Amino acid sequence: MNALTNVQVIHQGGQPAFVVIAYEDYMNSLKSRHNEATVPHAVVSLMVDENMSIFKAWRTYKKLTQAQVADAMGVAQSAVARIESGKHEPSLSTLKAYASAIGVLPEQLDLSED
């Protein structure tokens, strides 16, 4: 990302309080952030508060049943249950199929730090 060069910092009480940037720079920053694979707070909360795997948390957040996901993936419901159990790591192709079935990016199902 290019460093912003046309930036105005507004101080209050001797401390930086606001930053003013050119509208074009602001819009460009929004466009670059739009492509980021993010995970909503509600999904993370389900994982933490309800001890759900990221797969089950996303499915719950999307208000889908295991049967609906299984149908979209072309697999048995028991296969979706195994994916969501968190007891094994799904293959990349399975991860992509699950992501497609629930309408998210595969990267949104992987919370590992790269």
N, C-alpha and C. Protein backbone atom coordinates (compact mmCIF):
# COMPACT_ATOMS: atom_id res chain seq x y z
N MET A 1 0.84 -1.17 0.00
CA MET A 1 0.00 0.00 0.00
C MET A 1 0.89 1.24 0.00
N ASN A 2 0.54 2.21 -0.78
CA ASN A 2 1.31 3.45 -0.85
C ASN A 2 1.08 4.29 0.40
N ALA A 3 2.14 4.92 0.87
CA ALA A 3 2.03 5.80 2.02
C ALA A 3 1.26 7.06 1.62
N LEU A 4 0.38 7.50 2.52
CA LEU A 4 -0.38 8.72 2.25
C LEU A 4 0.53 9.92 2.45
N THR A 5 0.49 10.84 1.51
CA THR A 5 1.35 12.01 1.61
C THR A 5 0.57 13.28 1.88
N ASN A 6 -0.72 13.29 1.59
CA ASN A 6 -1.54 14.47 1.78
C ASN A 6 -2.45 14.25 2.98
N VAL A 7 -1.86 14.33 4.19
CA VAL A 7 -2.58 14.02 5.42
C VAL A 7 -2.51 15.23 6.35
N GLN A 8 -3.64 15.54 6.97
CA GLN A 8 -3.69 16.61 7.96
C GLN A 8 -4.07 15.99 9.30
N VAL A 9 -3.26 16.26 10.32
CA VAL A 9 -3.54 15.78 11.67
C VAL A 9 -4.09 16.93 12.48
N ILE A 10 -5.24 16.72 13.10
CA ILE A 10 -5.86 17.74 13.94
C ILE A 10 -5.65 17.35 15.40
N HIS A 11 -5.12 18.30 16.16
CA HIS A 11 -4.81 18.04 17.57
C HIS A 11 -5.87 18.67 18.48
N GLN A 12 -6.12 18.03 19.59
CA GLN A 12 -6.95 18.58 20.66
C GLN A 12 -6.22 18.38 21.96
N GLY A 13 -6.03 19.44 22.70
CA GLY A 13 -5.31 19.33 23.96
C GLY A 13 -3.88 18.88 23.78
N GLY A 14 -3.28 19.22 22.66
CA GLY A 14 -1.90 18.83 22.40
C GLY A 14 -1.72 17.40 21.93
N GLN A 15 -2.81 16.65 21.77
CA GLN A 15 -2.73 15.25 21.34
C GLN A 15 -3.42 15.07 20.00
N PRO A 16 -2.92 14.18 19.14
CA PRO A 16 -3.60 13.91 17.87
C PRO A 16 -5.00 13.37 18.13
N ALA A 17 -6.00 13.95 17.48
CA ALA A 17 -7.38 13.52 17.68
C ALA A 17 -8.05 13.05 16.39
N PHE A 18 -7.70 13.66 15.27
CA PHE A 18 -8.33 13.32 14.00
C PHE A 18 -7.29 13.38 12.89
N VAL A 19 -7.56 12.62 11.83
CA VAL A 19 -6.72 12.67 10.64
C VAL A 19 -7.63 12.94 9.45
N VAL A 20 -7.25 13.89 8.63
CA VAL A 20 -8.00 14.22 7.43
C VAL A 20 -7.16 13.77 6.24
N ILE A 21 -7.79 12.98 5.37
CA ILE A 21 -7.09 12.53 4.16
C ILE A 21 -7.94 12.88 2.95
N ALA A 22 -7.33 12.87 1.80
CA ALA A 22 -8.05 13.14 0.56
C ALA A 22 -9.12 12.07 0.35
N TYR A 23 -10.26 12.47 -0.18
CA TYR A 23 -11.37 11.55 -0.41
C TYR A 23 -10.94 10.37 -1.28
N GLU A 24 -10.17 10.62 -2.31
CA GLU A 24 -9.70 9.55 -3.19
C GLU A 24 -8.87 8.53 -2.41
N ASP A 25 -8.00 9.00 -1.52
CA ASP A 25 -7.20 8.10 -0.70
C ASP A 25 -8.10 7.27 0.22
N TYR A 26 -9.12 7.92 0.78
CA TYR A 26 -10.07 7.22 1.64
C TYR A 26 -10.80 6.12 0.87
N MET A 27 -11.29 6.45 -0.31
CA MET A 27 -12.01 5.46 -1.13
C MET A 27 -11.09 4.31 -1.52
N ASN A 28 -9.85 4.61 -1.86
CA ASN A 28 -8.89 3.55 -2.20
C ASN A 28 -8.63 2.64 -1.01
N SER A 29 -8.59 3.21 0.19
CA SER A 29 -8.36 2.38 1.37
C SER A 29 -9.56 1.47 1.62
N LEU A 30 -10.76 1.95 1.35
CA LEU A 30 -11.96 1.11 1.50
C LEU A 30 -11.95 -0.03 0.49
N LYS A 31 -11.55 0.26 -0.74
CA LYS A 31 -11.50 -0.78 -1.77
C LYS A 31 -10.51 -1.88 -1.40
N SER A 32 -9.37 -1.49 -0.87
CA SER A 32 -8.37 -2.50 -0.51
C SER A 32 -8.84 -3.33 0.67
N ARG A 33 -9.57 -2.74 1.59
CA ARG A 33 -10.09 -3.47 2.75
C ARG A 33 -11.26 -4.35 2.36
N HIS A 34 -12.00 -3.99 1.32
CA HIS A 34 -13.17 -4.76 0.90
C HIS A 34 -12.78 -6.18 0.50
N ASN A 35 -11.58 -6.36 0.00
CA ASN A 35 -11.14 -7.67 -0.46
C ASN A 35 -10.54 -8.54 0.64
N GLU A 36 -10.46 -8.01 1.86
CA GLU A 36 -9.91 -8.78 2.96
C GLU A 36 -10.91 -9.85 3.40
N ALA A 37 -10.40 -10.98 3.75
CA ALA A 37 -11.24 -12.06 4.26
C ALA A 37 -11.38 -11.87 5.77
N THR A 38 -12.55 -11.42 6.18
CA THR A 38 -12.78 -11.16 7.60
C THR A 38 -13.78 -12.16 8.17
N VAL A 39 -13.81 -12.22 9.48
CA VAL A 39 -14.75 -13.08 10.19
C VAL A 39 -15.55 -12.18 11.13
N PRO A 40 -16.88 -12.18 11.00
CA PRO A 40 -17.70 -11.33 11.85
C PRO A 40 -17.55 -11.67 13.34
N HIS A 41 -17.72 -10.66 14.16
CA HIS A 41 -17.64 -10.85 15.60
C HIS A 41 -18.61 -11.93 16.07
N ALA A 42 -19.80 -11.98 15.49
CA ALA A 42 -20.80 -12.97 15.90
C ALA A 42 -20.29 -14.39 15.68
N VAL A 43 -19.53 -14.63 14.63
CA VAL A 43 -18.97 -15.96 14.37
C VAL A 43 -17.93 -16.30 15.43
N VAL A 44 -17.06 -15.34 15.71
CA VAL A 44 -16.03 -15.56 16.73
C VAL A 44 -16.68 -15.79 18.10
N SER A 45 -17.73 -15.04 18.39
CA SER A 45 -18.44 -15.23 19.67
C SER A 45 -19.02 -16.63 19.79
N LEU A 46 -19.59 -17.14 18.72
CA LEU A 46 -20.12 -18.51 18.75
C LEU A 46 -19.00 -19.51 19.02
N MET A 47 -17.84 -19.27 18.42
CA MET A 47 -16.70 -20.17 18.63
C MET A 47 -16.25 -20.14 20.09
N VAL A 48 -16.19 -18.96 20.66
CA VAL A 48 -15.68 -18.81 22.03
C VAL A 48 -16.76 -19.16 23.06
N ASP A 49 -17.93 -18.54 22.94
CA ASP A 49 -18.98 -18.70 23.94
C ASP A 49 -19.65 -20.07 23.89
N GLU A 50 -19.81 -20.62 22.69
CA GLU A 50 -20.52 -21.90 22.53
C GLU A 50 -19.57 -23.06 22.22
N ASN A 51 -18.27 -22.78 22.19
CA ASN A 51 -17.26 -23.79 21.91
C ASN A 51 -17.52 -24.51 20.57
N MET A 52 -17.86 -23.73 19.56
CA MET A 52 -18.12 -24.28 18.23
C MET A 52 -16.86 -24.21 17.38
N SER A 53 -16.73 -25.15 16.45
CA SER A 53 -15.67 -25.04 15.44
C SER A 53 -16.03 -23.86 14.54
N ILE A 54 -15.06 -23.38 13.80
CA ILE A 54 -15.34 -22.25 12.91
C ILE A 54 -16.35 -22.66 11.84
N PHE A 55 -16.36 -23.91 11.46
CA PHE A 55 -17.31 -24.39 10.45
C PHE A 55 -18.74 -24.31 10.98
N LYS A 56 -18.95 -24.86 12.17
CA LYS A 56 -20.29 -24.84 12.76
C LYS A 56 -20.71 -23.41 13.09
N ALA A 57 -19.78 -22.60 13.56
CA ALA A 57 -20.12 -21.22 13.89
C ALA A 57 -20.58 -20.45 12.66
N TRP A 58 -19.87 -20.62 11.54
CA TRP A 58 -20.28 -19.96 10.30
C TRP A 58 -21.65 -20.47 9.85
N ARG A 59 -21.86 -21.79 9.91
CA ARG A 59 -23.14 -22.34 9.45
C ARG A 59 -24.28 -21.81 10.32
N THR A 60 -24.05 -21.76 11.62
CA THR A 60 -25.06 -21.25 12.54
C THR A 60 -25.33 -19.77 12.25
N TYR A 61 -24.27 -19.01 12.04
CA TYR A 61 -24.39 -17.58 11.73
C TYR A 61 -25.19 -17.37 10.45
N LYS A 62 -24.98 -18.23 9.48
CA LYS A 62 -25.67 -18.13 8.19
C LYS A 62 -27.08 -18.73 8.24
N LYS A 63 -27.45 -19.29 9.41
CA LYS A 63 -28.77 -19.89 9.61
C LYS A 63 -29.06 -21.03 8.63
N LEU A 64 -28.05 -21.89 8.47
CA LEU A 64 -28.18 -23.05 7.59
C LEU A 64 -28.16 -24.31 8.44
N THR A 65 -28.83 -25.34 7.96
CA THR A 65 -28.78 -26.64 8.62
C THR A 65 -27.65 -27.47 8.02
N GLN A 66 -27.25 -28.50 8.73
CA GLN A 66 -26.24 -29.41 8.19
C GLN A 66 -26.75 -30.04 6.91
N ALA A 67 -28.04 -30.36 6.86
CA ALA A 67 -28.62 -30.97 5.66
C ALA A 67 -28.53 -30.03 4.46
N GLN A 68 -28.77 -28.75 4.67
CA GLN A 68 -28.68 -27.79 3.57
C GLN A 68 -27.25 -27.67 3.06
N VAL A 69 -26.29 -27.64 3.98
CA VAL A 69 -24.89 -27.56 3.57
C VAL A 69 -24.48 -28.84 2.85
N ALA A 70 -24.88 -29.97 3.38
CA ALA A 70 -24.56 -31.26 2.77
C ALA A 70 -25.12 -31.33 1.35
N ASP A 71 -26.34 -30.87 1.18
CA ASP A 71 -26.96 -30.89 -0.15
C ASP A 71 -26.17 -30.01 -1.12
N ALA A 72 -25.77 -28.82 -0.66
CA ALA A 72 -25.00 -27.91 -1.51
C ALA A 72 -23.63 -28.49 -1.85
N MET A 73 -23.07 -29.27 -0.94
CA MET A 73 -21.75 -29.87 -1.18
C MET A 73 -21.85 -31.17 -1.95
N GLY A 74 -23.03 -31.79 -1.98
CA GLY A 74 -23.19 -33.09 -2.63
C GLY A 74 -22.64 -34.23 -1.79
N VAL A 75 -22.75 -34.08 -0.46
CA VAL A 75 -22.27 -35.11 0.45
C VAL A 75 -23.37 -35.45 1.45
N ALA A 76 -23.15 -36.47 2.25
CA ALA A 76 -24.11 -36.84 3.29
C ALA A 76 -24.02 -35.87 4.46
N GLN A 77 -25.12 -35.74 5.18
CA GLN A 77 -25.15 -34.87 6.35
C GLN A 77 -24.11 -35.28 7.38
N SER A 78 -23.85 -36.57 7.47
CA SER A 78 -22.85 -37.06 8.43
C SER A 78 -21.44 -36.55 8.09
N ALA A 79 -21.18 -36.30 6.80
CA ALA A 79 -19.89 -35.75 6.40
C ALA A 79 -19.75 -34.31 6.91
N VAL A 80 -20.82 -33.54 6.85
CA VAL A 80 -20.80 -32.17 7.37
C VAL A 80 -20.60 -32.21 8.88
N ALA A 81 -21.25 -33.15 9.55
CA ALA A 81 -21.09 -33.28 11.00
C ALA A 81 -19.63 -33.58 11.35
N ARG A 82 -18.96 -34.41 10.56
CA ARG A 82 -17.54 -34.72 10.81
C ARG A 82 -16.68 -33.47 10.60
N ILE A 83 -16.97 -32.70 9.55
CA ILE A 83 -16.22 -31.47 9.29
C ILE A 83 -16.37 -30.51 10.47
N GLU A 84 -17.58 -30.39 10.95
CA GLU A 84 -17.87 -29.45 12.03
C GLU A 84 -17.41 -29.92 13.40
N SER A 85 -17.09 -31.19 13.53
CA SER A 85 -16.71 -31.73 14.84
C SER A 85 -15.41 -31.12 15.36
N GLY A 86 -14.57 -30.68 14.44
CA GLY A 86 -13.29 -30.11 14.84
C GLY A 86 -12.26 -31.14 15.24
N LYS A 87 -12.57 -32.41 15.02
CA LYS A 87 -11.67 -33.49 15.43
C LYS A 87 -10.63 -33.83 14.38
N HIS A 88 -10.83 -33.33 13.17
CA HIS A 88 -9.82 -33.53 12.13
C HIS A 88 -9.79 -32.33 11.20
N GLU A 89 -8.68 -32.15 10.55
CA GLU A 89 -8.49 -31.04 9.61
C GLU A 89 -9.00 -31.46 8.23
N PRO A 90 -9.99 -30.75 7.67
CA PRO A 90 -10.48 -31.13 6.34
C PRO A 90 -9.44 -30.83 5.26
N SER A 91 -9.52 -31.56 4.18
CA SER A 91 -8.63 -31.31 3.05
C SER A 91 -8.95 -29.94 2.45
N LEU A 92 -8.05 -29.42 1.65
CA LEU A 92 -8.26 -28.13 1.00
C LEU A 92 -9.50 -28.16 0.11
N SER A 93 -9.68 -29.25 -0.61
CA SER A 93 -10.86 -29.33 -1.50
C SER A 93 -12.15 -29.37 -0.68
N THR A 94 -12.15 -30.03 0.46
CA THR A 94 -13.32 -30.07 1.33
C THR A 94 -13.58 -28.70 1.92
N LEU A 95 -12.52 -28.02 2.34
CA LEU A 95 -12.65 -26.68 2.89
C LEU A 95 -13.27 -25.73 1.85
N LYS A 96 -12.80 -25.83 0.61
CA LYS A 96 -13.32 -24.98 -0.46
C LYS A 96 -14.79 -25.31 -0.74
N ALA A 97 -15.14 -26.58 -0.73
CA ALA A 97 -16.52 -26.98 -0.98
C ALA A 97 -17.44 -26.48 0.13
N TYR A 98 -16.99 -26.60 1.38
CA TYR A 98 -17.78 -26.12 2.51
C TYR A 98 -17.96 -24.61 2.42
N ALA A 99 -16.88 -23.90 2.13
CA ALA A 99 -16.94 -22.44 2.00
C ALA A 99 -17.95 -22.04 0.93
N SER A 100 -17.88 -22.69 -0.21
CA SER A 100 -18.80 -22.39 -1.30
C SER A 100 -20.25 -22.67 -0.89
N ALA A 101 -20.46 -23.76 -0.18
CA ALA A 101 -21.81 -24.16 0.23
C ALA A 101 -22.43 -23.15 1.19
N ILE A 102 -21.62 -22.52 2.02
CA ILE A 102 -22.18 -21.55 2.97
C ILE A 102 -22.00 -20.10 2.52
N GLY A 103 -21.34 -19.90 1.39
CA GLY A 103 -21.22 -18.56 0.82
C GLY A 103 -20.16 -17.68 1.45
N VAL A 104 -19.01 -18.28 1.79
CA VAL A 104 -17.89 -17.49 2.32
C VAL A 104 -16.64 -17.84 1.53
N LEU A 105 -15.58 -17.09 1.75
CA LEU A 105 -14.29 -17.39 1.13
C LEU A 105 -13.60 -18.48 1.94
N PRO A 106 -12.85 -19.37 1.29
CA PRO A 106 -12.11 -20.39 2.05
C PRO A 106 -11.22 -19.79 3.14
N GLU A 107 -10.65 -18.62 2.87
CA GLU A 107 -9.78 -17.96 3.84
C GLU A 107 -10.53 -17.60 5.12
N GLN A 108 -11.85 -17.44 5.03
CA GLN A 108 -12.64 -17.10 6.20
C GLN A 108 -12.88 -18.30 7.11
N LEU A 109 -12.48 -19.47 6.66
CA LEU A 109 -12.61 -20.68 7.48
C LEU A 109 -11.27 -21.08 8.09
N ASP A 110 -10.26 -20.30 7.85
CA ASP A 110 -8.90 -20.62 8.34
C ASP A 110 -8.42 -19.46 9.19
N LEU A 111 -8.37 -19.65 10.50
CA LEU A 111 -7.95 -18.58 11.40
C LEU A 111 -6.46 -18.66 11.74
N SER A 112 -5.74 -19.58 11.10
CA SER A 112 -4.32 -19.67 11.41
C SER A 112 -3.60 -18.44 10.90
N GLU A 113 -2.56 -18.06 11.61
CA GLU A 113 -1.77 -16.90 11.20
C GLU A 113 -0.72 -17.36 10.21
N ASP A 114 -0.61 -16.64 9.11
CA ASP A 114 0.39 -17.00 8.09
C ASP A 114 1.62 -16.17 8.27
